[in-house]
């Protein structure tokens, strides 16, 4: 019975974590979307650099850096 209880506990924790609020603000997400939606490479780089400078601790930072690196790789 103990393994079943452990499984239920782990499943319950996973559900609770899935329901947590995002760890970024709506403004951060909007800025991130602007970076990913931009098609002009120069503008995308400018938006990415601004995002990273203004929000160095953002949880979305890694995604913005990836978008920036993608532009650099395409050059």
PDB file of N, CA and C in Angstrom:
ATOM      1  N   UNK A   1       0.826  -1.191   0.000  1.00  0.00           N
ATOM      2  CA  UNK A   1       0.000   0.000   0.000  1.00  0.00           C
ATOM      3  C   UNK A   1       0.871   1.255   0.000  1.00  0.00           C
ATOM      4  N   UNK A   2       2.051   1.225   0.619  1.00  0.00           N
ATOM      5  CA  UNK A   2       2.918   2.402   0.686  1.00  0.00           C
ATOM      6  C   UNK A   2       3.341   2.893  -0.703  1.00  0.00           C
ATOM      7  N   UNK A   3       3.693   2.003  -1.651  1.00  0.00           N
ATOM      8  CA  UNK A   3       4.051   2.503  -2.982  1.00  0.00           C
ATOM      9  C   UNK A   3       2.891   3.242  -3.657  1.00  0.00           C
ATOM     10  N   UNK A   4       1.680   2.771  -3.450  1.00  0.00           N
ATOM     11  CA  UNK A   4       0.517   3.435  -4.033  1.00  0.00           C
ATOM     12  C   UNK A   4       0.333   4.823  -3.425  1.00  0.00           C
ATOM     13  N   UNK A   5       0.519   4.921  -2.122  1.00  0.00           N
ATOM     14  CA  UNK A   5       0.391   6.222  -1.463  1.00  0.00           C
ATOM     15  C   UNK A   5       1.461   7.190  -1.967  1.00  0.00           C
ATOM     16  N   UNK A   6       2.664   6.681  -2.159  1.00  0.00           N
ATOM     17  CA  UNK A   6       3.747   7.521  -2.675  1.00  0.00           C
ATOM     18  C   UNK A   6       3.421   8.014  -4.079  1.00  0.00           C
ATOM     19  N   UNK A   7       2.887   7.126  -4.892  1.00  0.00           N
ATOM     20  CA  UNK A   7       2.515   7.493  -6.252  1.00  0.00           C
ATOM     21  C   UNK A   7       1.434   8.567  -6.252  1.00  0.00           C
ATOM     22  N   UNK A   8       0.450   8.419  -5.386  1.00  0.00           N
ATOM     23  CA  UNK A   8      -0.624   9.407  -5.300  1.00  0.00           C
ATOM     24  C   UNK A   8      -0.096  10.750  -4.808  1.00  0.00           C
ATOM     25  N   UNK A   9       0.836  10.712  -3.874  1.00  0.00           N
ATOM     26  CA  UNK A   9       1.430  11.944  -3.364  1.00  0.00           C
ATOM     27  C   UNK A   9       2.191  12.666  -4.469  1.00  0.00           C
ATOM     28  N   UNK A  10       2.987  11.936  -5.220  1.00  0.00           N
ATOM     29  CA  UNK A  10       3.753  12.527  -6.318  1.00  0.00           C
ATOM     30  C   UNK A  10       2.810  13.095  -7.375  1.00  0.00           C
ATOM     31  N   UNK A  11       1.757  12.372  -7.697  1.00  0.00           N
ATOM     32  CA  UNK A  11       0.785  12.853  -8.683  1.00  0.00           C
ATOM     33  C   UNK A  11       0.107  14.126  -8.188  1.00  0.00           C
ATOM     34  N   UNK A  12      -0.233  14.164  -6.918  1.00  0.00           N
ATOM     35  CA  UNK A  12      -0.856  15.354  -6.342  1.00  0.00           C
ATOM     36  C   UNK A  12       0.068  16.553  -6.381  1.00  0.00           C
ATOM     37  N   UNK A  13       1.353  16.340  -6.098  1.00  0.00           N
ATOM     38  CA  UNK A  13       2.324  17.431  -6.153  1.00  0.00           C
ATOM     39  C   UNK A  13       2.502  17.936  -7.581  1.00  0.00           C
ATOM     40  N   UNK A  14       2.501  17.031  -8.531  1.00  0.00           N
ATOM     41  CA  UNK A  14       2.643  17.431  -9.933  1.00  0.00           C
ATOM     42  C   UNK A  14       1.468  18.290 -10.375  1.00  0.00           C
ATOM     43  N   UNK A  15       0.279  17.931  -9.955  1.00  0.00           N
ATOM     44  CA  UNK A  15      -0.907  18.717 -10.298  1.00  0.00           C
ATOM     45  C   UNK A  15      -0.836  20.090  -9.645  1.00  0.00           C
ATOM     46  N   UNK A  16      -0.419  20.142  -8.397  1.00  0.00           N
ATOM     47  CA  UNK A  16      -0.314  21.420  -7.691  1.00  0.00           C
ATOM     48  C   UNK A  16       0.701  22.332  -8.373  1.00  0.00           C
ATOM     49  N   UNK A  17       1.822  21.779  -8.813  1.00  0.00           N
ATOM     50  CA  UNK A  17       2.835  22.580  -9.492  1.00  0.00           C
ATOM     51  C   UNK A  17       2.320  23.083 -10.833  1.00  0.00           C
ATOM     52  N   UNK A  18       1.553  22.265 -11.521  1.00  0.00           N
ATOM     53  CA  UNK A  18       1.017  22.660 -12.818  1.00  0.00           C
ATOM     54  C   UNK A  18       0.035  23.813 -12.688  1.00  0.00           C
ATOM     55  N   UNK A  19      -0.588  23.961 -11.544  1.00  0.00           N
ATOM     56  CA  UNK A  19      -1.589  24.993 -11.351  1.00  0.00           C
ATOM     57  C   UNK A  19      -1.010  26.290 -10.786  1.00  0.00           C
ATOM     58  N   UNK A  20       0.279  26.332 -10.526  1.00  0.00           N
ATOM     59  CA  UNK A  20       0.903  27.541 -10.000  1.00  0.00           C
ATOM     60  C   UNK A  20       0.852  28.648 -11.051  1.00  0.00           C
ATOM     61  N   UNK A  21       0.810  29.866 -10.578  1.00  0.00           N
ATOM     62  CA  UNK A  21       0.816  31.014 -11.481  1.00  0.00           C
ATOM     63  C   UNK A  21       2.174  31.110 -12.170  1.00  0.00           C
ATOM     64  N   UNK A  22       2.207  31.655 -13.376  1.00  0.00           N
ATOM     65  CA  UNK A  22       3.494  31.816 -14.058  1.00  0.00           C
ATOM     66  C   UNK A  22       4.425  32.717 -13.253  1.00  0.00           C
ATOM     67  N   UNK A  23       5.712  32.516 -13.433  1.00  0.00           N
ATOM     68  CA  UNK A  23       6.699  33.271 -12.667  1.00  0.00           C
ATOM     69  C   UNK A  23       7.199  34.479 -13.458  1.00  0.00           C
ATOM     70  N   UNK A  24       6.312  35.059 -14.228  1.00  0.00           N
ATOM     71  CA  UNK A  24       6.623  36.269 -14.966  1.00  0.00           C
ATOM     72  C   UNK A  24       5.359  37.111 -15.063  1.00  0.00           C
ATOM     73  N   UNK A  25       5.557  38.392 -15.304  1.00  0.00           N
ATOM     74  CA  UNK A  25       4.417  39.301 -15.381  1.00  0.00           C
ATOM     75  C   UNK A  25       3.848  39.310 -16.797  1.00  0.00           C
ATOM     76  N   UNK A  26       2.660  39.856 -16.919  1.00  0.00           N
ATOM     77  CA  UNK A  26       2.033  39.995 -18.238  1.00  0.00           C
ATOM     78  C   UNK A  26       2.888  40.899 -19.128  1.00  0.00           C
ATOM     79  N   UNK A  27       3.477  41.923 -18.523  1.00  0.00           N
ATOM     80  CA  UNK A  27       4.339  42.839 -19.280  1.00  0.00           C
ATOM     81  C   UNK A  27       5.573  42.110 -19.815  1.00  0.00           C
ATOM     82  N   UNK A  28       6.175  41.249 -18.972  1.00  0.00           N
ATOM     83  CA  UNK A  28       7.330  40.468 -19.417  1.00  0.00           C
ATOM     84  C   UNK A  28       6.947  39.561 -20.574  1.00  0.00           C
ATOM     85  N   UNK A  29       5.803  38.912 -20.447  1.00  0.00           N
ATOM     86  CA  UNK A  29       5.367  37.985 -21.490  1.00  0.00           C
ATOM     87  C   UNK A  29       5.088  38.729 -22.793  1.00  0.00           C
ATOM     88  N   UNK A  30       4.502  39.903 -22.690  1.00  0.00           N
ATOM     89  CA  UNK A  30       4.226  40.712 -23.879  1.00  0.00           C
ATOM     90  C   UNK A  30       5.539  41.095 -24.571  1.00  0.00           C
ATOM     91  N   UNK A  31       6.541  41.475 -23.792  1.00  0.00           N
ATOM     92  CA  UNK A  31       7.849  41.822 -24.353  1.00  0.00           C
ATOM     93  C   UNK A  31       8.500  40.595 -24.992  1.00  0.00           C
ATOM     94  N   UNK A  32       8.360  39.445 -24.352  1.00  0.00           N
ATOM     95  CA  UNK A  32       8.885  38.193 -24.908  1.00  0.00           C
ATOM     96  C   UNK A  32       8.199  37.872 -26.235  1.00  0.00           C
ATOM     97  N   UNK A  33       6.876  38.027 -26.278  1.00  0.00           N
ATOM     98  CA  UNK A  33       6.131  37.764 -27.511  1.00  0.00           C
ATOM     99  C   UNK A  33       6.571  38.708 -28.629  1.00  0.00           C
ATOM    100  N   UNK A  34       6.868  39.946 -28.275  1.00  0.00           N
ATOM    101  CA  UNK A  34       7.338  40.906 -29.279  1.00  0.00           C
ATOM    102  C   UNK A  34       8.655  40.434 -29.892  1.00  0.00           C
ATOM    103  N   UNK A  35       9.532  39.886 -29.061  1.00  0.00           N
ATOM    104  CA  UNK A  35      10.811  39.372 -29.555  1.00  0.00           C
ATOM    105  C   UNK A  35      10.568  38.204 -30.501  1.00  0.00           C
ATOM    106  N   UNK A  36       9.768  37.252 -30.075  1.00  0.00           N
ATOM    107  CA  UNK A  36       9.582  36.046 -30.879  1.00  0.00           C
ATOM    108  C   UNK A  36       8.769  36.295 -32.143  1.00  0.00           C
ATOM    109  N   UNK A  37       7.902  37.295 -32.136  1.00  0.00           N
ATOM    110  CA  UNK A  37       7.062  37.573 -33.303  1.00  0.00           C
ATOM    111  C   UNK A  37       7.772  38.429 -34.351  1.00  0.00           C
ATOM    112  N   UNK A  38       8.816  39.128 -33.955  1.00  0.00           N
ATOM    113  CA  UNK A  38       9.502  40.036 -34.888  1.00  0.00           C
ATOM    114  C   UNK A  38      10.196  39.242 -35.995  1.00  0.00           C
ATOM    115  N   UNK A  39      10.009  39.659 -37.233  1.00  0.00           N
ATOM    116  CA  UNK A  39      10.619  38.956 -38.363  1.00  0.00           C
ATOM    117  C   UNK A  39      11.881  39.653 -38.877  1.00  0.00           C
ATOM    118  N   UNK A  40      12.005  40.940 -38.624  1.00  0.00           N
ATOM    119  CA  UNK A  40      13.195  41.676 -39.037  1.00  0.00           C
ATOM    120  C   UNK A  40      14.326  41.345 -38.062  1.00  0.00           C
ATOM    121  N   UNK A  41      15.413  40.731 -38.565  1.00  0.00           N
ATOM    122  CA  UNK A  41      16.497  40.319 -37.662  1.00  0.00           C
ATOM    123  C   UNK A  41      17.084  41.462 -36.828  1.00  0.00           C
ATOM    124  N   UNK A  42      17.267  42.630 -37.418  1.00  0.00           N
ATOM    125  CA  UNK A  42      17.847  43.753 -36.673  1.00  0.00           C
ATOM    126  C   UNK A  42      16.920  44.196 -35.549  1.00  0.00           C
ATOM    127  N   UNK A  43      15.634  44.261 -35.832  1.00  0.00           N
ATOM    128  CA  UNK A  43      14.672  44.652 -34.803  1.00  0.00           C
ATOM    129  C   UNK A  43      14.573  43.586 -33.717  1.00  0.00           C
ATOM    130  N   UNK A  44      14.644  42.304 -34.143  1.00  0.00           N
ATOM    131  CA  UNK A  44      14.571  41.208 -33.171  1.00  0.00           C
ATOM    132  C   UNK A  44      15.753  41.282 -32.207  1.00  0.00           C
ATOM    133  N   UNK A  45      16.936  41.554 -32.738  1.00  0.00           N
ATOM    134  CA  UNK A  45      18.127  41.687 -31.895  1.00  0.00           C
ATOM    135  C   UNK A  45      17.954  42.854 -30.931  1.00  0.00           C
ATOM    136  N   UNK A  46      17.478  43.986 -31.438  1.00  0.00           N
ATOM    137  CA  UNK A  46      17.265  45.154 -30.571  1.00  0.00           C
ATOM    138  C   UNK A  46      16.280  44.842 -29.450  1.00  0.00           C
ATOM    139  N   UNK A  47      15.174  44.177 -29.793  1.00  0.00           N
ATOM    140  CA  UNK A  47      14.172  43.825 -28.783  1.00  0.00           C
ATOM    141  C   UNK A  47      14.741  42.841 -27.762  1.00  0.00           C
ATOM    142  N   UNK A  48      15.504  41.861 -28.244  1.00  0.00           N
ATOM    143  CA  UNK A  48      16.086  40.858 -27.347  1.00  0.00           C
ATOM    144  C   UNK A  48      17.083  41.499 -26.387  1.00  0.00           C
ATOM    145  N   UNK A  49      17.936  42.359 -26.906  1.00  0.00           N
ATOM    146  CA  UNK A  49      18.929  43.027 -26.057  1.00  0.00           C
ATOM    147  C   UNK A  49      18.233  43.903 -25.019  1.00  0.00           C
ATOM    148  N   UNK A  50      17.214  44.632 -25.443  1.00  0.00           N
ATOM    149  CA  UNK A  50      16.471  45.479 -24.502  1.00  0.00           C
ATOM    150  C   UNK A  50      15.812  44.630 -23.422  1.00  0.00           C
ATOM    151  N   UNK A  51      15.230  43.495 -23.812  1.00  0.00           N
ATOM    152  CA  UNK A  51      14.585  42.604 -22.847  1.00  0.00           C
ATOM    153  C   UNK A  51      15.600  42.134 -21.809  1.00  0.00           C
ATOM    154  N   UNK A  52      16.745  41.679 -22.274  1.00  0.00           N
ATOM    155  CA  UNK A  52      17.767  41.138 -21.372  1.00  0.00           C
ATOM    156  C   UNK A  52      18.313  42.225 -20.438  1.00  0.00           C
ATOM    157  N   UNK A  53      18.503  43.430 -20.957  1.00  0.00           N
ATOM    158  CA  UNK A  53      18.995  44.530 -20.116  1.00  0.00           C
ATOM    159  C   UNK A  53      17.965  44.949 -19.076  1.00  0.00           C
ATOM    160  N   UNK A  54      16.697  45.023 -19.491  1.00  0.00           N
ATOM    161  CA  UNK A  54      15.646  45.501 -18.593  1.00  0.00           C
ATOM    162  C   UNK A  54      15.159  44.435 -17.615  1.00  0.00           C
ATOM    163  N   UNK A  55      15.315  43.167 -17.995  1.00  0.00           N
ATOM    164  CA  UNK A  55      14.784  42.078 -17.167  1.00  0.00           C
ATOM    165  C   UNK A  55      15.824  40.962 -17.012  1.00  0.00           C
ATOM    166  N   UNK A  56      16.973  41.252 -16.409  1.00  0.00           N
ATOM    167  CA  UNK A  56      18.035  40.241 -16.333  1.00  0.00           C
ATOM    168  C   UNK A  56      17.667  39.012 -15.509  1.00  0.00           C
ATOM    169  N   UNK A  57      16.704  39.124 -14.626  1.00  0.00           N
ATOM    170  CA  UNK A  57      16.321  38.000 -13.770  1.00  0.00           C
ATOM    171  C   UNK A  57      15.040  37.302 -14.237  1.00  0.00           C
ATOM    172  N   UNK A  58      14.518  37.675 -15.380  1.00  0.00           N
ATOM    173  CA  UNK A  58      13.261  37.108 -15.867  1.00  0.00           C
ATOM    174  C   UNK A  58      13.396  35.612 -16.141  1.00  0.00           C
ATOM    175  N   UNK A  59      12.344  34.875 -15.844  1.00  0.00           N
ATOM    176  CA  UNK A  59      12.337  33.447 -16.160  1.00  0.00           C
ATOM    177  C   UNK A  59      12.198  33.222 -17.661  1.00  0.00           C
ATOM    178  N   UNK A  60      11.816  34.240 -18.394  1.00  0.00           N
ATOM    179  CA  UNK A  60      11.706  34.139 -19.854  1.00  0.00           C
ATOM    180  C   UNK A  60      13.028  34.471 -20.548  1.00  0.00           C
ATOM    181  N   UNK A  61      14.002  34.887 -19.779  1.00  0.00           N
ATOM    182  CA  UNK A  61      15.294  35.309 -20.331  1.00  0.00           C
ATOM    183  C   UNK A  61      15.919  34.232 -21.209  1.00  0.00           C
ATOM    184  N   UNK A  62      15.888  32.991 -20.765  1.00  0.00           N
ATOM    185  CA  UNK A  62      16.522  31.915 -21.536  1.00  0.00           C
ATOM    186  C   UNK A  62      15.884  31.771 -22.912  1.00  0.00           C
ATOM    187  N   UNK A  63      14.592  32.017 -23.011  1.00  0.00           N
ATOM    188  CA  UNK A  63      13.906  31.910 -24.296  1.00  0.00           C
ATOM    189  C   UNK A  63      14.270  33.081 -25.208  1.00  0.00           C
ATOM    190  N   UNK A  64      14.437  34.246 -24.619  1.00  0.00           N
ATOM    191  CA  UNK A  64      14.838  35.424 -25.389  1.00  0.00           C
ATOM    192  C   UNK A  64      16.278  35.251 -25.879  1.00  0.00           C
ATOM    193  N   UNK A  65      17.137  34.728 -25.032  1.00  0.00           N
ATOM    194  CA  UNK A  65      18.524  34.468 -25.431  1.00  0.00           C
ATOM    195  C   UNK A  65      18.547  33.462 -26.581  1.00  0.00           C
ATOM    196  N   UNK A  66      17.706  32.447 -26.516  1.00  0.00           N
ATOM    197  CA  UNK A  66      17.631  31.457 -27.597  1.00  0.00           C
ATOM    198  C   UNK A  66      17.183  32.112 -28.904  1.00  0.00           C
ATOM    199  N   UNK A  67      16.218  33.017 -28.828  1.00  0.00           N
ATOM    200  CA  UNK A  67      15.762  33.733 -30.023  1.00  0.00           C
ATOM    201  C   UNK A  67      16.898  34.587 -30.589  1.00  0.00           C
ATOM    202  N   UNK A  68      17.638  35.240 -29.710  1.00  0.00           N
ATOM    203  CA  UNK A  68      18.787  36.057 -30.114  1.00  0.00           C
ATOM    204  C   UNK A  68      19.842  35.184 -30.796  1.00  0.00           C
ATOM    205  N   UNK A  69      20.142  34.052 -30.189  1.00  0.00           N
ATOM    206  CA  UNK A  69      21.141  33.153 -30.763  1.00  0.00           C
ATOM    207  C   UNK A  69      20.692  32.621 -32.119  1.00  0.00           C
ATOM    208  N   UNK A  70      19.393  32.387 -32.260  1.00  0.00           N
ATOM    209  CA  UNK A  70      18.866  31.933 -33.543  1.00  0.00           C
ATOM    210  C   UNK A  70      19.109  32.952 -34.645  1.00  0.00           C
ATOM    211  N   UNK A  71      18.914  34.219 -34.321  1.00  0.00           N
ATOM    212  CA  UNK A  71      19.174  35.280 -35.306  1.00  0.00           C
ATOM    213  C   UNK A  71      20.655  35.310 -35.653  1.00  0.00           C
ATOM    214  N   UNK A  72      21.505  35.218 -34.645  1.00  0.00           N
ATOM    215  CA  UNK A  72      22.947  35.261 -34.888  1.00  0.00           C
ATOM    216  C   UNK A  72      23.401  34.073 -35.739  1.00  0.00           C
ATOM    217  N   UNK A  73      22.808  32.912 -35.515  1.00  0.00           N
ATOM    218  CA  UNK A  73      23.170  31.727 -36.297  1.00  0.00           C
ATOM    219  C   UNK A  73      22.747  31.862 -37.755  1.00  0.00           C
ATOM    220  N   UNK A  74      21.671  32.595 -37.994  1.00  0.00           N
ATOM    221  CA  UNK A  74      21.166  32.754 -39.355  1.00  0.00           C
ATOM    222  C   UNK A  74      21.949  33.781 -40.168  1.00  0.00           C
ATOM    223  N   UNK A  75      22.792  34.569 -39.509  1.00  0.00           N
ATOM    224  CA  UNK A  75      23.558  35.592 -40.239  1.00  0.00           C
ATOM    225  C   UNK A  75      24.675  34.984 -41.051  1.00  0.00           C
TER     226      UNK A  75
END
